[in-house]
Amino acid sequence: MTVREHDRSLGLRVIAAFEAVKGLVVLLAGFGVLLLIHRDVQALAERLVAHLHLNPGSRYPRIFLHVATGTTPTRLRLLAFGAFAYSTVRFVEAAGLWRARRWAEWFGAATGLIYVPFEAIAFIHRPELEPLLALVLNLVVVLFLGIQLRRGSDSEVAGVITRVWLRDVSASGDPKSQQ
């Protein structure tokens, strides 16, 4: 294995592990949502706001409490289903990247690009470390996958040219006659 192939393999595996962790976090959150079915979600939300010493009248705690008030078991099940679907997509992508599958590189680059505008807007509205890290990390992943896809397409073209040349050489028996 060359240095370039090792770097590619290591990079893809790091990204695969990152995607798997994202899938696991969302999967655990989905299980957590399922635990809230048939519970008093509003009372739990009020206790959480009080425990974190948040002002229930300020913007985000008020939104959180409002959402908790309108929660139904059906909505919780739908939210959990969405979390399971999302985590499944992340796990499939992680498995494909771990095995260096080309479709996973395309999928990872495409899904990563979807988040870039939202992360950029979040950073513009709130220029803090977290939105900046999310944006930079996502851009690094997208750029790495894009570079790998570009290199892969170059090597695929070279492979096709080599196969055609070898086929022509074997048909004629003389490589110099092909020049």
C-alpha atoms as a PDB file:
ATOM      1  CA  MET A   1       0.000   0.000   0.000  1.00  0.00           C
ATOM      2  CA  THR A   2       1.438   3.351  -1.014  1.00  0.00           C
ATOM      3  CA  VAL A   3       1.454   6.387   1.259  1.00  0.00           C
ATOM      4  CA  ARG A   4      -1.342   7.964  -0.777  1.00  0.00           C
ATOM      5  CA  GLU A   5      -3.495   4.827  -0.508  1.00  0.00           C
ATOM      6  CA  HIS A   6      -2.826   4.630   3.233  1.00  0.00           C
ATOM      7  CA  ASP A   7      -3.780   8.290   3.717  1.00  0.00           C
ATOM      8  CA  ARG A   8      -6.939   7.741   1.669  1.00  0.00           C
ATOM      9  CA  SER A   9      -7.880   4.652   3.644  1.00  0.00           C
ATOM     10  CA  LEU A  10      -7.190   6.360   6.975  1.00  0.00           C
ATOM     11  CA  GLY A  11      -9.137   9.469   5.955  1.00  0.00           C
ATOM     12  CA  LEU A  12     -12.129   7.446   4.795  1.00  0.00           C
ATOM     13  CA  ARG A  13     -12.123   5.439   8.015  1.00  0.00           C
ATOM     14  CA  VAL A  14     -11.949   8.553  10.184  1.00  0.00           C
ATOM     15  CA  ILE A  15     -14.918  10.003   8.286  1.00  0.00           C
ATOM     16  CA  ALA A  16     -16.727   6.664   8.534  1.00  0.00           C
ATOM     17  CA  ALA A  17     -16.215   6.617  12.300  1.00  0.00           C
ATOM     18  CA  PHE A  18     -17.471  10.213  12.531  1.00  0.00           C
ATOM     19  CA  GLU A  19     -20.610   9.314  10.554  1.00  0.00           C
ATOM     20  CA  ALA A  20     -21.168   6.222  12.700  1.00  0.00           C
ATOM     21  CA  VAL A  21     -20.901   8.326  15.873  1.00  0.00           C
ATOM     22  CA  LYS A  22     -23.441  10.797  14.461  1.00  0.00           C
ATOM     23  CA  GLY A  23     -25.755   7.884  13.679  1.00  0.00           C
ATOM     24  CA  LEU A  24     -25.318   6.442  17.172  1.00  0.00           C
ATOM     25  CA  VAL A  25     -26.061   9.775  18.873  1.00  0.00           C
ATOM     26  CA  VAL A  26     -29.254  10.227  16.846  1.00  0.00           C
ATOM     27  CA  LEU A  27     -30.249   6.591  17.450  1.00  0.00           C
ATOM     28  CA  LEU A  28     -29.851   7.059  21.208  1.00  0.00           C
ATOM     29  CA  ALA A  29     -31.855  10.286  20.995  1.00  0.00           C
ATOM     30  CA  GLY A  30     -34.590   8.349  19.174  1.00  0.00           C
ATOM     31  CA  PHE A  31     -34.699   5.789  21.970  1.00  0.00           C
ATOM     32  CA  GLY A  32     -34.860   8.657  24.440  1.00  0.00           C
ATOM     33  CA  VAL A  33     -37.857  10.095  22.604  1.00  0.00           C
ATOM     34  CA  LEU A  34     -39.577   6.717  22.772  1.00  0.00           C
ATOM     35  CA  LEU A  35     -39.108   6.733  26.552  1.00  0.00           C
ATOM     36  CA  LEU A  36     -41.151   9.953  26.700  1.00  0.00           C
ATOM     37  CA  ILE A  37     -44.290   8.313  25.297  1.00  0.00           C
ATOM     38  CA  HIS A  38     -47.066   8.195  27.921  1.00  0.00           C
ATOM     39  CA  ARG A  39     -45.200  10.594  30.197  1.00  0.00           C
ATOM     40  CA  ASP A  40     -45.980  14.156  31.100  1.00  0.00           C
ATOM     41  CA  VAL A  41     -43.582  15.777  28.662  1.00  0.00           C
ATOM     42  CA  GLN A  42     -44.590  19.295  29.686  1.00  0.00           C
ATOM     43  CA  ALA A  43     -43.765  18.615  33.353  1.00  0.00           C
ATOM     44  CA  LEU A  44     -40.413  17.070  32.337  1.00  0.00           C
ATOM     45  CA  ALA A  45     -39.619  20.114  30.191  1.00  0.00           C
ATOM     46  CA  GLU A  46     -40.497  22.501  33.017  1.00  0.00           C
ATOM     47  CA  ARG A  47     -38.263  20.566  35.440  1.00  0.00           C
ATOM     48  CA  LEU A  48     -35.412  20.592  32.915  1.00  0.00           C
ATOM     49  CA  VAL A  49     -35.688  24.348  32.392  1.00  0.00           C
ATOM     50  CA  ALA A  50     -35.739  24.888  36.170  1.00  0.00           C
ATOM     51  CA  HIS A  51     -32.837  22.475  36.732  1.00  0.00           C
ATOM     52  CA  LEU A  52     -30.699  24.324  34.166  1.00  0.00           C
ATOM     53  CA  HIS A  53     -31.623  27.646  35.810  1.00  0.00           C
ATOM     54  CA  LEU A  54     -33.051  29.021  32.568  1.00  0.00           C
ATOM     55  CA  ASN A  55     -35.564  31.833  32.453  1.00  0.00           C
ATOM     56  CA  PRO A  56     -38.799  30.210  31.191  1.00  0.00           C
ATOM     57  CA  GLY A  57     -39.861  33.569  29.760  1.00  0.00           C
ATOM     58  CA  SER A  58     -36.796  33.959  27.540  1.00  0.00           C
ATOM     59  CA  ARG A  59     -36.923  32.975  23.888  1.00  0.00           C
ATOM     60  CA  TYR A  60     -35.499  29.432  23.640  1.00  0.00           C
ATOM     61  CA  PRO A  61     -36.843  28.011  26.904  1.00  0.00           C
ATOM     62  CA  ARG A  62     -40.270  29.448  25.978  1.00  0.00           C
ATOM     63  CA  ILE A  63     -40.112  27.741  22.551  1.00  0.00           C
ATOM     64  CA  PHE A  64     -38.978  24.504  24.202  1.00  0.00           C
ATOM     65  CA  LEU A  65     -41.855  24.618  26.698  1.00  0.00           C
ATOM     66  CA  HIS A  66     -44.357  25.455  23.939  1.00  0.00           C
ATOM     67  CA  VAL A  67     -43.234  22.464  21.868  1.00  0.00           C
ATOM     68  CA  ALA A  68     -43.404  20.215  24.933  1.00  0.00           C
ATOM     69  CA  THR A  69     -46.969  21.359  25.594  1.00  0.00           C
ATOM     70  CA  GLY A  70     -48.157  20.270  22.144  1.00  0.00           C
ATOM     71  CA  THR A  71     -46.424  16.901  22.166  1.00  0.00           C
ATOM     72  CA  THR A  72     -48.525  13.806  21.551  1.00  0.00           C
ATOM     73  CA  PRO A  73     -47.523  10.118  21.553  1.00  0.00           C
ATOM     74  CA  THR A  74     -48.020  10.065  17.773  1.00  0.00           C
ATOM     75  CA  ARG A  75     -45.641  12.998  17.292  1.00  0.00           C
ATOM     76  CA  LEU A  76     -43.080  11.360  19.559  1.00  0.00           C
ATOM     77  CA  ARG A  77     -43.295   8.124  17.574  1.00  0.00           C
ATOM     78  CA  LEU A  78     -42.851  10.049  14.301  1.00  0.00           C
ATOM     79  CA  LEU A  79     -39.865  11.889  15.742  1.00  0.00           C
ATOM     80  CA  ALA A  80     -38.338   8.600  16.890  1.00  0.00           C
ATOM     81  CA  PHE A  81     -38.986   7.054  13.465  1.00  0.00           C
ATOM     82  CA  GLY A  82     -37.230  10.018  11.816  1.00  0.00           C
ATOM     83  CA  ALA A  83     -34.279   9.554  14.164  1.00  0.00           C
ATOM     84  CA  PHE A  84     -34.076   5.847  13.310  1.00  0.00           C
ATOM     85  CA  ALA A  85     -34.261   6.564   9.572  1.00  0.00           C
ATOM     86  CA  TYR A  86     -31.546   9.223   9.816  1.00  0.00           C
ATOM     87  CA  SER A  87     -29.287   6.978  11.892  1.00  0.00           C
ATOM     88  CA  THR A  88     -29.760   4.138   9.400  1.00  0.00           C
ATOM     89  CA  VAL A  89     -28.614   6.426   6.577  1.00  0.00           C
ATOM     90  CA  ARG A  90     -25.549   7.472   8.631  1.00  0.00           C
ATOM     91  CA  PHE A  91     -24.700   3.812   9.418  1.00  0.00           C
ATOM     92  CA  VAL A  92     -24.992   2.789   5.761  1.00  0.00           C
ATOM     93  CA  GLU A  93     -22.791   5.697   4.721  1.00  0.00           C
ATOM     94  CA  ALA A  94     -20.261   4.824   7.438  1.00  0.00           C
ATOM     95  CA  ALA A  95     -20.123   1.189   6.313  1.00  0.00           C
ATOM     96  CA  GLY A  96     -19.618   2.234   2.686  1.00  0.00           C
ATOM     97  CA  LEU A  97     -16.853   4.691   3.584  1.00  0.00           C
ATOM     98  CA  TRP A  98     -15.158   2.137   5.842  1.00  0.00           C
ATOM     99  CA  ARG A  99     -15.019  -0.236   2.863  1.00  0.00           C
ATOM    100  CA  ALA A 100     -13.890   2.612   0.550  1.00  0.00           C
ATOM    101  CA  ARG A 101     -16.932   2.311  -1.694  1.00  0.00           C
ATOM    102  CA  ARG A 102     -17.163   4.970  -4.361  1.00  0.00           C
ATOM    103  CA  TRP A 103     -20.938   5.432  -3.931  1.00  0.00           C
ATOM    104  CA  ALA A 104     -20.342   6.250  -0.247  1.00  0.00           C
ATOM    105  CA  GLU A 105     -17.803   8.922  -1.178  1.00  0.00           C
ATOM    106  CA  TRP A 106     -20.330  10.511  -3.544  1.00  0.00           C
ATOM    107  CA  PHE A 107     -23.081  10.210  -0.954  1.00  0.00           C
ATOM    108  CA  GLY A 108     -20.905  11.657   1.813  1.00  0.00           C
ATOM    109  CA  ALA A 109     -19.826  14.608  -0.321  1.00  0.00           C
ATOM    110  CA  ALA A 110     -23.398  15.318  -1.424  1.00  0.00           C
ATOM    111  CA  THR A 111     -24.931  15.091   2.044  1.00  0.00           C
ATOM    112  CA  GLY A 112     -22.097  17.128   3.500  1.00  0.00           C
ATOM    113  CA  LEU A 113     -22.658  19.875   0.944  1.00  0.00           C
ATOM    114  CA  ILE A 114     -26.322  20.069   1.927  1.00  0.00           C
ATOM    115  CA  TYR A 115     -25.357  21.220   5.428  1.00  0.00           C
ATOM    116  CA  VAL A 116     -22.779  23.864   4.392  1.00  0.00           C
ATOM    117  CA  PRO A 117     -25.213  26.736   3.673  1.00  0.00           C
ATOM    118  CA  PHE A 118     -27.098  26.139   6.933  1.00  0.00           C
ATOM    119  CA  GLU A 119     -23.874  25.993   8.927  1.00  0.00           C
ATOM    120  CA  ALA A 120     -22.603  29.152   7.229  1.00  0.00           C
ATOM    121  CA  ILE A 121     -25.842  30.974   8.056  1.00  0.00           C
ATOM    122  CA  ALA A 122     -25.668  29.731  11.648  1.00  0.00           C
ATOM    123  CA  PHE A 123     -22.120  31.050  11.934  1.00  0.00           C
ATOM    124  CA  ILE A 124     -23.077  34.410  10.424  1.00  0.00           C
ATOM    125  CA  HIS A 125     -25.963  34.802  12.878  1.00  0.00           C
ATOM    126  CA  ARG A 126     -23.945  33.531  15.826  1.00  0.00           C
ATOM    127  CA  PRO A 127     -20.188  33.842  15.225  1.00  0.00           C
ATOM    128  CA  GLU A 128     -19.054  31.520  17.990  1.00  0.00           C
ATOM    129  CA  LEU A 129     -16.794  28.496  18.206  1.00  0.00           C
ATOM    130  CA  GLU A 130     -19.448  25.757  17.812  1.00  0.00           C
ATOM    131  CA  PRO A 131     -20.936  26.934  14.496  1.00  0.00           C
ATOM    132  CA  LEU A 132     -17.433  27.638  13.198  1.00  0.00           C
ATOM    133  CA  LEU A 133     -16.226  24.138  14.120  1.00  0.00           C
ATOM    134  CA  ALA A 134     -19.279  22.545  12.524  1.00  0.00           C
ATOM    135  CA  LEU A 135     -18.737  24.500   9.318  1.00  0.00           C
ATOM    136  CA  VAL A 136     -14.975  23.878   9.142  1.00  0.00           C
ATOM    137  CA  LEU A 137     -15.287  20.173   9.973  1.00  0.00           C
ATOM    138  CA  ASN A 138     -17.978  19.697   7.359  1.00  0.00           C
ATOM    139  CA  LEU A 139     -15.946  21.575   4.742  1.00  0.00           C
ATOM    140  CA  VAL A 140     -12.882  19.439   5.509  1.00  0.00           C
ATOM    141  CA  VAL A 141     -14.929  16.256   5.049  1.00  0.00           C
ATOM    142  CA  VAL A 142     -16.476  17.498   1.792  1.00  0.00           C
ATOM    143  CA  LEU A 143     -13.110  18.656   0.420  1.00  0.00           C
ATOM    144  CA  PHE A 144     -11.406  15.385   1.345  1.00  0.00           C
ATOM    145  CA  LEU A 145     -14.145  13.328  -0.295  1.00  0.00           C
ATOM    146  CA  GLY A 146     -14.143  15.612  -3.333  1.00  0.00           C
ATOM    147  CA  ILE A 147     -10.384  15.214  -3.731  1.00  0.00           C
ATOM    148  CA  GLN A 148     -10.707  11.446  -3.410  1.00  0.00           C
ATOM    149  CA  LEU A 149     -13.446  11.385  -6.011  1.00  0.00           C
ATOM    150  CA  ARG A 150     -11.354  13.506  -8.368  1.00  0.00           C
ATOM    151  CA  ARG A 151      -8.288  11.311  -7.906  1.00  0.00           C
ATOM    152  CA  GLY A 152     -10.412   8.219  -8.358  1.00  0.00           C
ATOM    153  CA  SER A 153     -11.863   9.480 -11.625  1.00  0.00           C
ATOM    154  CA  ASP A 154      -8.350  10.253 -12.923  1.00  0.00           C
ATOM    155  CA  SER A 155      -7.135   6.762 -12.026  1.00  0.00           C
ATOM    156  CA  GLU A 156     -10.259   5.206 -13.564  1.00  0.00           C
ATOM    157  CA  VAL A 157      -9.542   6.961 -16.874  1.00  0.00           C
ATOM    158  CA  ALA A 158      -5.931   5.810 -16.712  1.00  0.00           C
ATOM    159  CA  GLY A 159      -7.112   2.258 -15.982  1.00  0.00           C
ATOM    160  CA  VAL A 160      -9.450   2.249 -18.986  1.00  0.00           C
ATOM    161  CA  ILE A 161      -6.694   3.571 -21.265  1.00  0.00           C
ATOM    162  CA  THR A 162      -4.283   0.919 -19.960  1.00  0.00           C
ATOM    163  CA  ARG A 163      -6.823  -1.888 -20.472  1.00  0.00           C
ATOM    164  CA  VAL A 164      -7.565  -0.747 -24.032  1.00  0.00           C
ATOM    165  CA  TRP A 165      -3.853  -0.501 -24.821  1.00  0.00           C
ATOM    166  CA  LEU A 166      -3.166  -3.953 -23.354  1.00  0.00           C
ATOM    167  CA  ARG A 167      -6.077  -5.433 -25.297  1.00  0.00           C
ATOM    168  CA  ASP A 168      -4.753  -3.922 -28.532  1.00  0.00           C
ATOM    169  CA  VAL A 169      -1.218  -5.101 -27.760  1.00  0.00           C
ATOM    170  CA  SER A 170      -2.335  -8.641 -27.034  1.00  0.00           C
ATOM    171  CA  ALA A 171      -4.408  -8.698 -30.234  1.00  0.00           C
ATOM    172  CA  SER A 172      -1.486  -7.604 -32.436  1.00  0.00           C
ATOM    173  CA  GLY A 173       1.323  -9.163 -30.447  1.00  0.00           C
ATOM    174  CA  ASP A 174       3.626  -6.170 -31.037  1.00  0.00           C
ATOM    175  CA  PRO A 175       3.437  -3.104 -28.739  1.00  0.00           C
ATOM    176  CA  LYS A 176       5.516  -1.001 -31.167  1.00  0.00           C
ATOM    177  CA  SER A 177       3.003  -1.526 -33.954  1.00  0.00           C
ATOM    178  CA  GLN A 178       0.492   0.434 -31.849  1.00  0.00           C
ATOM    179  CA  GLN A 179       2.555   3.643 -31.988  1.00  0.00           C
END
